[in-house]
Amino acid sequence: MDRLQAMQVFVRVVEAGGFTRAADVMSMPKATVTTLVQNLEAHLGAKLLNRTTRSVRVTPDGAAYYERCVRILTDVEETERALARAKSIPRGRLRVDVSGGFGRRFLVPALSEFFERYPDIQLEVGCNDRAVDLIEEGVDCVVRAGEQPDSRLIARKLGMIEFVTCATPGYLEHHGVPLHPNELAQHRLINYFSAKTGRMFKWEFSRNGERVVLDLRGYVAFNDAEAMFQAGVAGLGIIQAGEIMACDALRQGVLVQILADWRADPLPLYLMYPQNRHLSTKVRAFAEWVAELYERRQRILAKCDRKETAGQM
């Protein structure tokens, strides 16, 4: 016998004043309602209801038991509601991993907003360009740019990262301004290489159907986007940096965009999590927040004043 169900049925019979009306309220057969109350009485060894052909009246034992049943059922209902609320509120430890530049320049400055919205989440953030194995390392989700070949991951596209080719005014004044991608071979270039494969990324440009792909030797190379960006800010050479990273420096004149009529190939930005894990409320909350944050940032980038060169310094 399901004692909790039997108690619920007994309470409904008392409140409805009969088995037939209680059965209608609970959408149960009258025979089932009758059997449950009889089994409950047998289990308790006490008569709870006096039945006649015209009415059902609660006995003194039944009245006392009814009061206790109401309290118990109310406590159970409130406990279930509390658990449901707790389950719907994002909480607990959340491990995420993002690239270094994305983390330092985009994510970290906005985290106070995240914690105001989700104060019960304890966030652990890895910031580097190292390839992370989510399953082996117990990471809940990652944010990464580029096409993602790992079929074990579910990827949510956040948007596209546009790139700008730029250098400091001092560098361009000293070395000149390249007017065509092919002229980059005569300049000091700061390259980026994959932390996972060691592969050096090529310089890729498109303009009016023309495409130029250059495998150029760099003056210096980094496997961390933030380090590469800082090398550009230090005047070591020309870089291709994501707009999300370079916008402020371009607006302030710390960096100047070159080859502005040539479009560097954009990269998709994804938030990814393992297929074998349900999208928990905390991961969903982080994903929604990052997507919203990135959308706002894209609107800012669209208004970014890049202080483009006119070809001569």
Protein backbone atom coordinates (compact mmCIF):
# COMPACT_ATOMS: atom_id res chain seq x y z
CA MET A 1 0.00 0.00 0.00
CA ASP A 2 1.17 3.48 -0.87
CA ARG A 3 0.55 5.09 2.51
CA LEU A 4 1.01 8.63 1.21
CA GLN A 5 -1.56 8.06 -1.53
CA ALA A 6 -3.92 6.43 0.96
CA MET A 7 -3.60 9.45 3.27
CA GLN A 8 -4.34 11.80 0.36
CA VAL A 9 -7.43 9.80 -0.57
CA PHE A 10 -8.65 9.70 3.04
CA VAL A 11 -8.31 13.49 3.36
CA ARG A 12 -10.25 14.00 0.11
CA VAL A 13 -13.05 11.69 1.31
CA VAL A 14 -13.39 13.62 4.57
CA GLU A 15 -13.35 17.00 2.79
CA ALA A 16 -15.72 15.88 0.01
CA GLY A 17 -18.09 14.18 2.45
CA GLY A 18 -18.23 10.93 0.49
CA PHE A 19 -16.42 8.36 -1.63
CA THR A 20 -18.16 9.23 -4.91
CA ARG A 21 -17.35 12.94 -4.80
CA ALA A 22 -13.76 12.24 -3.66
CA ALA A 23 -13.32 9.82 -6.56
CA ASP A 24 -14.58 12.49 -9.00
CA VAL A 25 -12.22 15.13 -7.58
CA MET A 26 -9.22 12.80 -7.81
CA SER A 27 -10.26 11.27 -11.17
CA MET A 28 -10.07 7.79 -9.67
CA PRO A 29 -12.51 4.86 -9.72
CA LYS A 30 -14.76 4.82 -6.65
CA ALA A 31 -13.72 1.20 -5.97
CA THR A 32 -10.05 2.26 -5.78
CA VAL A 33 -10.88 5.06 -3.32
CA THR A 34 -12.86 2.65 -1.16
CA THR A 35 -10.12 0.01 -1.20
CA LEU A 36 -7.39 2.51 -0.27
CA VAL A 37 -9.33 3.78 2.76
CA GLN A 38 -10.14 0.24 3.89
CA ASN A 39 -6.48 -0.78 3.59
CA LEU A 40 -5.47 2.29 5.57
CA GLU A 41 -7.92 1.42 8.34
CA ALA A 42 -6.63 -2.14 8.40
CA HIS A 43 -3.04 -0.92 8.60
CA LEU A 44 -3.86 1.46 11.46
CA GLY A 45 -6.17 -0.97 13.24
CA ALA A 46 -8.72 1.81 13.70
CA LYS A 47 -12.04 2.79 12.12
CA LEU A 48 -11.64 6.19 10.48
CA LEU A 49 -15.06 6.62 8.84
CA ASN A 50 -18.63 5.65 9.66
CA ARG A 51 -20.43 4.77 6.42
CA THR A 52 -24.16 4.70 5.80
CA THR A 53 -26.08 4.54 2.55
CA ARG A 54 -26.60 8.30 2.70
CA SER A 55 -23.48 9.74 4.33
CA VAL A 56 -19.91 9.27 5.45
CA ARG A 57 -18.93 10.68 8.84
CA VAL A 58 -15.48 10.82 10.37
CA THR A 59 -14.94 8.95 13.66
CA PRO A 60 -13.10 10.54 16.62
CA ASP A 61 -10.01 8.55 15.66
CA GLY A 62 -10.56 9.57 12.06
CA ALA A 63 -10.82 13.26 12.99
CA ALA A 64 -7.52 13.14 14.90
CA TYR A 65 -5.87 11.23 12.07
CA TYR A 66 -7.27 13.69 9.51
CA GLU A 67 -5.61 16.64 11.30
CA ARG A 68 -2.26 14.87 11.31
CA CYS A 69 -2.63 13.82 7.67
CA VAL A 70 -3.26 17.43 6.61
CA ARG A 71 -0.10 18.59 8.40
CA ILE A 72 1.98 15.77 6.94
CA LEU A 73 0.71 16.26 3.39
CA THR A 74 1.26 20.03 3.65
CA ASP A 75 4.85 19.47 4.81
CA VAL A 76 5.48 17.06 1.94
CA GLU A 77 4.02 19.51 -0.58
CA GLU A 78 6.09 22.41 0.74
CA THR A 79 9.25 20.28 0.72
CA GLU A 80 8.66 19.26 -2.89
CA ARG A 81 8.08 22.89 -3.91
CA ALA A 82 11.27 23.94 -2.12
CA LEU A 83 13.26 21.23 -3.90
CA ALA A 84 11.75 22.23 -7.24
CA ARG A 85 12.73 25.87 -6.62
CA ALA A 86 16.24 24.84 -5.60
CA LYS A 87 16.56 22.78 -8.76
CA SER A 88 15.45 25.70 -10.94
CA ILE A 89 17.89 28.17 -9.35
CA PRO A 90 21.40 27.91 -10.81
CA ARG A 91 23.75 26.99 -8.01
CA GLY A 92 26.93 25.09 -7.24
CA ARG A 93 30.43 24.80 -8.67
CA LEU A 94 30.83 25.59 -12.36
CA ARG A 95 34.14 25.00 -14.19
CA VAL A 96 34.59 26.87 -17.45
CA ASP A 97 37.60 27.39 -19.69
CA VAL A 98 38.12 30.28 -22.11
CA SER A 99 40.99 31.58 -24.20
CA GLY A 100 43.31 33.98 -22.41
CA GLY A 101 42.43 37.10 -24.36
CA PHE A 102 38.71 36.40 -24.26
CA GLY A 103 38.85 35.83 -20.53
CA ARG A 104 40.97 38.81 -19.55
CA ARG A 105 39.47 41.42 -21.88
CA PHE A 106 35.87 40.29 -22.21
CA LEU A 107 34.76 37.86 -19.51
CA VAL A 108 36.51 38.94 -16.30
CA PRO A 109 35.51 42.65 -16.49
CA ALA A 110 31.84 41.61 -16.65
CA LEU A 111 31.83 38.93 -13.93
CA SER A 112 30.37 41.22 -11.27
CA GLU A 113 27.22 41.35 -13.39
CA PHE A 114 27.17 37.54 -13.59
CA PHE A 115 27.44 37.13 -9.82
CA GLU A 116 24.74 39.72 -9.20
CA ARG A 117 22.44 37.62 -11.36
CA TYR A 118 23.61 34.20 -10.11
CA PRO A 119 24.99 34.60 -6.57
CA ASP A 120 24.78 30.88 -5.79
CA ILE A 121 27.21 29.78 -8.53
CA GLN A 122 30.86 29.23 -7.57
CA LEU A 123 32.76 29.88 -10.78
CA GLU A 124 36.18 28.42 -11.61
CA VAL A 125 37.65 29.94 -14.79
CA GLY A 126 40.64 28.66 -16.74
CA CYS A 127 42.12 31.38 -18.97
CA ASN A 128 44.57 30.09 -21.56
CA ASP A 129 44.78 28.99 -25.18
CA ARG A 130 45.58 25.39 -24.27
CA ALA A 131 43.28 22.72 -25.69
CA VAL A 132 41.17 21.34 -22.83
CA ASP A 133 39.68 17.84 -22.64
CA LEU A 134 36.37 18.59 -20.95
CA ILE A 135 35.55 14.99 -20.14
CA GLU A 136 38.93 13.99 -18.69
CA GLU A 137 39.48 17.27 -16.83
CA GLY A 138 35.95 17.64 -15.47
CA VAL A 139 35.30 21.00 -17.17
CA ASP A 140 31.61 21.88 -17.57
CA CYS A 141 31.94 24.07 -20.66
CA VAL A 142 34.46 25.98 -22.77
CA VAL A 143 34.37 29.02 -25.03
CA ARG A 144 36.61 28.63 -28.08
CA ALA A 145 37.02 30.16 -31.54
CA GLY A 146 37.42 28.18 -34.76
CA GLU A 147 35.80 25.11 -36.22
CA GLN A 148 35.49 22.42 -33.57
CA PRO A 149 36.11 18.84 -34.72
CA ASP A 150 35.34 17.11 -31.40
CA SER A 151 32.11 15.20 -32.01
CA ARG A 152 31.77 14.46 -28.28
CA LEU A 153 30.85 18.09 -27.67
CA ILE A 154 27.63 19.98 -28.23
CA ALA A 155 28.47 23.41 -29.64
CA ARG A 156 26.36 26.56 -29.34
CA LYS A 157 27.48 29.28 -31.72
CA LEU A 158 27.79 32.65 -30.01
CA GLY A 159 28.79 34.64 -33.09
CA MET A 160 31.72 35.43 -35.36
CA ILE A 161 35.04 36.98 -34.36
CA GLU A 162 36.23 39.54 -36.90
CA PHE A 163 39.96 40.30 -37.12
CA VAL A 164 41.82 43.51 -37.78
CA THR A 165 45.38 43.96 -38.99
CA CYS A 166 47.09 46.65 -36.97
CA ALA A 167 50.27 48.07 -35.45
CA THR A 168 51.32 50.99 -33.29
CA PRO A 169 51.68 54.46 -34.83
CA GLY A 170 55.37 54.39 -33.86
CA TYR A 171 56.01 51.14 -35.73
CA LEU A 172 54.21 52.38 -38.86
CA GLU A 173 56.05 55.70 -38.78
CA HIS A 174 59.39 53.91 -38.64
CA HIS A 175 58.69 51.01 -41.05
CA GLY A 176 56.02 52.41 -43.34
CA VAL A 177 52.42 51.38 -44.02
CA PRO A 178 51.81 48.29 -46.20
CA LEU A 179 49.15 48.95 -48.83
CA HIS A 180 48.77 45.34 -50.02
CA PRO A 181 49.01 42.06 -48.07
CA ASN A 182 51.98 41.00 -50.22
CA GLU A 183 53.97 43.88 -48.72
CA LEU A 184 53.76 42.26 -45.28
CA ALA A 185 56.75 40.11 -46.20
CA GLN A 186 58.90 43.24 -45.83
CA HIS A 187 57.65 43.91 -42.28
CA ARG A 188 58.14 42.62 -38.77
CA LEU A 189 55.22 40.32 -38.12
CA ILE A 190 53.94 38.85 -34.87
CA ASN A 191 52.63 35.36 -35.50
CA TYR A 192 50.28 33.11 -33.59
CA PHE A 193 50.66 29.34 -33.37
CA SER A 194 48.41 26.64 -31.98
CA ALA A 195 49.12 25.58 -28.41
CA LYS A 196 47.78 22.12 -29.30
CA THR A 197 49.46 21.35 -32.64
CA GLY A 198 52.24 23.93 -32.87
CA ARG A 199 50.91 24.91 -36.31
CA MET A 200 51.63 28.51 -37.30
CA PHE A 201 48.53 30.37 -38.42
CA LYS A 202 48.64 31.89 -41.90
CA TRP A 203 47.77 35.46 -42.83
CA GLU A 204 44.55 35.35 -44.86
CA PHE A 205 42.86 38.27 -46.65
CA SER A 206 39.91 38.76 -49.00
CA ARG A 207 38.82 41.78 -51.07
CA ASN A 208 36.26 41.96 -53.88
CA GLY A 209 36.63 38.29 -54.75
CA GLU A 210 40.42 38.33 -54.52
CA ARG A 211 41.94 36.08 -51.86
CA VAL A 212 45.48 36.16 -50.51
CA VAL A 213 46.89 33.49 -48.18
CA LEU A 214 50.41 34.13 -46.88
CA ASP A 215 52.66 31.79 -44.94
CA LEU A 216 54.99 34.43 -43.51
CA ARG A 217 57.89 34.14 -41.15
CA GLY A 218 57.27 36.14 -38.03
CA TYR A 219 59.60 38.37 -36.07
CA VAL A 220 58.22 36.63 -32.98
CA ALA A 221 55.41 34.10 -32.40
CA PHE A 222 53.13 33.29 -29.46
CA ASN A 223 50.67 30.54 -28.61
CA ASP A 224 48.67 32.91 -26.41
CA ALA A 225 46.46 35.56 -28.05
CA GLU A 226 46.83 38.01 -25.17
CA ALA A 227 50.64 37.77 -25.28
CA MET A 228 50.57 38.32 -29.04
CA PHE A 229 48.34 41.36 -28.60
CA GLN A 230 50.60 42.86 -25.95
CA ALA A 231 53.59 42.38 -28.25
CA GLY A 232 51.73 44.41 -30.86
CA VAL A 233 50.92 47.14 -28.34
CA ALA A 234 54.60 47.19 -27.40
CA GLY A 235 55.44 48.09 -30.99
CA LEU A 236 57.24 44.87 -31.90
CA GLY A 237 55.43 44.52 -35.20
CA ILE A 238 52.16 43.97 -37.06
CA ILE A 239 49.45 41.72 -35.63
CA GLN A 240 46.09 40.31 -36.63
CA ALA A 241 43.91 40.56 -33.53
CA GLY A 242 40.26 39.94 -32.84
CA GLU A 243 38.15 43.08 -32.78
CA ILE A 244 36.88 42.10 -29.35
CA MET A 245 40.46 42.43 -28.09
CA ALA A 246 41.67 45.35 -30.18
CA CYS A 247 38.69 47.73 -30.21
CA ASP A 248 39.68 49.83 -27.19
CA ALA A 249 43.30 50.15 -28.34
CA LEU A 250 42.14 51.19 -31.81
CA ARG A 251 39.69 53.73 -30.43
CA GLN A 252 42.37 55.23 -28.18
CA GLY A 253 44.95 55.36 -30.96
CA VAL A 254 47.30 52.93 -29.23
CA LEU A 255 46.98 50.76 -32.34
CA VAL A 256 46.14 51.77 -35.89
CA GLN A 257 44.34 49.57 -38.38
CA ILE A 258 46.04 48.89 -41.71
CA LEU A 259 44.84 47.12 -44.85
CA ALA A 260 41.33 48.09 -43.81
CA ASP A 261 39.87 47.30 -47.24
CA TRP A 262 41.11 43.71 -46.90
CA ARG A 263 39.00 41.42 -44.73
CA ALA A 264 40.78 38.84 -42.61
CA ASP A 265 38.91 35.54 -42.36
CA PRO A 266 36.55 35.58 -39.36
CA LEU A 267 36.28 32.66 -36.94
CA PRO A 268 33.12 31.29 -35.31
CA LEU A 269 32.94 31.49 -31.53
CA TYR A 270 31.36 28.55 -29.70
CA LEU A 271 30.32 27.62 -26.20
CA MET A 272 30.70 23.83 -25.92
CA TYR A 273 29.85 21.17 -23.36
CA PRO A 274 30.00 17.34 -23.40
CA GLN A 275 27.18 15.37 -25.02
CA ASN A 276 26.96 12.92 -22.14
CA ARG A 277 26.04 15.63 -19.64
CA HIS A 278 22.61 17.15 -19.35
CA LEU A 279 22.59 20.90 -19.80
CA SER A 280 22.32 21.80 -16.13
CA THR A 281 20.71 25.02 -14.97
CA LYS A 282 24.13 26.48 -14.10
CA VAL A 283 25.61 25.71 -17.54
CA ARG A 284 22.49 27.03 -19.22
CA ALA A 285 22.66 30.20 -17.12
CA PHE A 286 26.32 30.77 -18.05
CA ALA A 287 25.63 30.08 -21.74
CA GLU A 288 22.72 32.52 -21.85
CA TRP A 289 24.71 35.19 -20.03
CA VAL A 290 27.79 34.86 -22.28
CA ALA A 291 25.60 34.96 -25.41
CA GLU A 292 23.88 38.11 -24.16
CA LEU A 293 27.20 39.68 -23.19
CA TYR A 294 28.76 38.89 -26.57
CA GLU A 295 25.76 40.33 -28.42
CA ARG A 296 26.10 43.58 -26.47
CA ARG A 297 29.85 43.66 -27.20
CA GLN A 298 29.20 43.17 -30.91
CA ARG A 299 26.97 46.25 -30.95
CA ILE A 300 29.81 48.23 -29.35
CA LEU A 301 32.32 46.87 -31.86
CA ALA A 302 30.11 47.99 -34.74
CA LYS A 303 30.65 51.58 -33.55
CA CYS A 304 34.38 51.17 -32.94
CA ASP A 305 36.48 54.10 -34.23
CA ARG A 306 39.55 52.40 -35.64
CA LYS A 307 41.60 55.47 -36.62
CA GLU A 308 42.56 53.89 -39.93
CA THR A 309 45.71 54.99 -41.75
CA ALA A 310 45.43 56.84 -45.01
CA GLY A 311 48.51 55.15 -46.45
CA GLN A 312 51.11 57.55 -45.13
CA MET A 313 52.18 58.44 -41.61
